[in-house]
Amino acid sequence: MYVSYHQNGCYTWIPLPEFAYNNSEHSLTKQSPFLVIYGENPSFESIHISQDSPAGKLSTKHQSVQQVVKEELELAIRRFKKYADRNRTIPPGF
């Protein structure tokens, strides 16, 4: 993960987790905010960028950062579940 000495590089990366958040299914609506607002999720299948171009290199870096963010979110979800389940009990049978 990139962190600059002056900690001003985060503005470059803020759109990535924001996009991931807005493109993921939310527990309350069971839909992504993009789907709720625009009626469809964004599609990227038709985007082809040469990996040798500067845009391709940036795209590759964005993909790796997005993967790290996804893995961290999955880890956080498991952690939240672990702590939430600690105090749960089996409901009584009636």
Protein backbone atom coordinates (compact mmCIF):
# COMPACT_ATOMS: atom_id res chain seq x y z
CA MET A 1 0.00 0.00 0.00
CA TYR A 2 1.26 3.47 -0.84
CA VAL A 3 1.73 5.98 1.99
CA SER A 4 3.63 9.20 1.40
CA TYR A 5 5.80 10.92 3.97
CA HIS A 6 3.52 13.97 4.07
CA GLN A 7 0.39 11.77 4.01
CA ASN A 8 -1.13 13.68 1.14
CA GLY A 9 -1.35 10.79 -1.32
CA CYS A 10 -4.62 9.45 0.03
CA TYR A 11 -6.62 11.78 -2.20
CA THR A 12 -5.46 9.74 -5.19
CA TRP A 13 -6.86 6.54 -3.69
CA ILE A 14 -10.08 7.69 -1.99
CA PRO A 15 -12.19 7.04 -5.12
CA LEU A 16 -11.23 3.34 -5.08
CA PRO A 17 -12.75 2.32 -1.73
CA GLU A 18 -15.62 4.72 -2.40
CA PHE A 19 -16.33 2.92 -5.68
CA ALA A 20 -15.99 -0.49 -4.01
CA TYR A 21 -18.42 0.59 -1.28
CA ASN A 22 -20.94 2.00 -3.77
CA ASN A 23 -20.70 -1.10 -5.97
CA SER A 24 -21.14 -3.70 -3.20
CA GLU A 25 -24.36 -5.17 -1.90
CA HIS A 26 -25.54 -3.57 1.33
CA SER A 27 -27.14 -5.61 4.08
CA LEU A 28 -30.24 -3.46 4.46
CA THR A 29 -31.27 -3.07 0.80
CA LYS A 30 -29.56 -6.23 -0.54
CA GLN A 31 -28.55 -4.01 -3.47
CA SER A 32 -25.64 -1.74 -4.28
CA PRO A 33 -26.10 2.04 -4.03
CA PHE A 34 -25.29 2.26 -7.78
CA LEU A 35 -28.17 -0.11 -8.50
CA VAL A 36 -30.55 1.78 -6.21
CA ILE A 37 -29.68 5.20 -7.66
CA TYR A 38 -29.01 4.44 -11.35
CA GLY A 39 -30.99 1.23 -11.87
CA GLU A 40 -27.90 -0.79 -12.85
CA ASN A 41 -24.42 -1.63 -11.66
CA PRO A 42 -21.46 -0.27 -13.61
CA SER A 43 -20.02 -2.62 -16.23
CA PHE A 44 -16.35 -2.75 -17.14
CA GLU A 45 -16.19 -5.76 -19.45
CA SER A 46 -15.81 -3.59 -22.57
CA ILE A 47 -12.84 -1.58 -21.29
CA HIS A 48 -9.57 -2.79 -22.84
CA ILE A 49 -6.38 -0.96 -21.92
CA SER A 50 -2.91 -1.97 -23.04
CA GLN A 51 -0.93 -2.97 -19.96
CA ASP A 52 2.17 -1.25 -21.43
CA SER A 53 0.59 2.21 -21.49
CA PRO A 54 0.66 4.57 -18.49
CA ALA A 55 -3.10 4.11 -18.18
CA GLY A 56 -2.60 0.35 -18.21
CA LYS A 57 -0.01 0.55 -15.46
CA LEU A 58 -2.30 2.77 -13.40
CA SER A 59 -5.17 0.37 -14.06
CA THR A 60 -3.04 -2.55 -12.86
CA LYS A 61 -2.10 -0.64 -9.71
CA HIS A 62 -5.75 0.27 -9.11
CA GLN A 63 -6.75 -3.37 -9.49
CA SER A 64 -4.16 -4.46 -6.94
CA VAL A 65 -5.26 -1.75 -4.49
CA GLN A 66 -8.88 -2.73 -5.04
CA GLN A 67 -7.99 -6.36 -4.27
CA VAL A 68 -6.26 -5.31 -1.04
CA VAL A 69 -9.30 -3.24 -0.02
CA LYS A 70 -11.60 -6.18 -0.78
CA GLU A 71 -9.47 -8.55 1.31
CA GLU A 72 -9.36 -6.09 4.20
CA LEU A 73 -13.14 -5.64 4.10
CA GLU A 74 -13.64 -9.41 4.13
CA LEU A 75 -11.29 -9.69 7.11
CA ALA A 76 -13.20 -6.94 8.94
CA ILE A 77 -16.49 -8.72 8.28
CA ARG A 78 -15.12 -11.95 9.76
CA ARG A 79 -13.82 -10.02 12.78
CA PHE A 80 -17.18 -8.29 13.32
CA LYS A 81 -18.98 -11.62 13.07
CA LYS A 82 -16.61 -13.24 15.56
CA TYR A 83 -17.23 -10.55 18.18
CA ALA A 84 -20.97 -10.37 17.49
CA ASP A 85 -21.31 -14.15 17.84
CA ARG A 86 -19.49 -14.19 21.19
CA ASN A 87 -22.54 -13.03 23.12
CA ARG A 88 -25.18 -14.80 21.06
CA THR A 89 -27.04 -17.73 22.50
CA ILE A 90 -29.27 -20.35 20.96
CA PRO A 91 -32.87 -19.09 21.05
CA PRO A 92 -35.17 -21.10 23.31
CA GLY A 93 -37.47 -23.59 21.64
CA PHE A 94 -41.17 -23.06 22.26
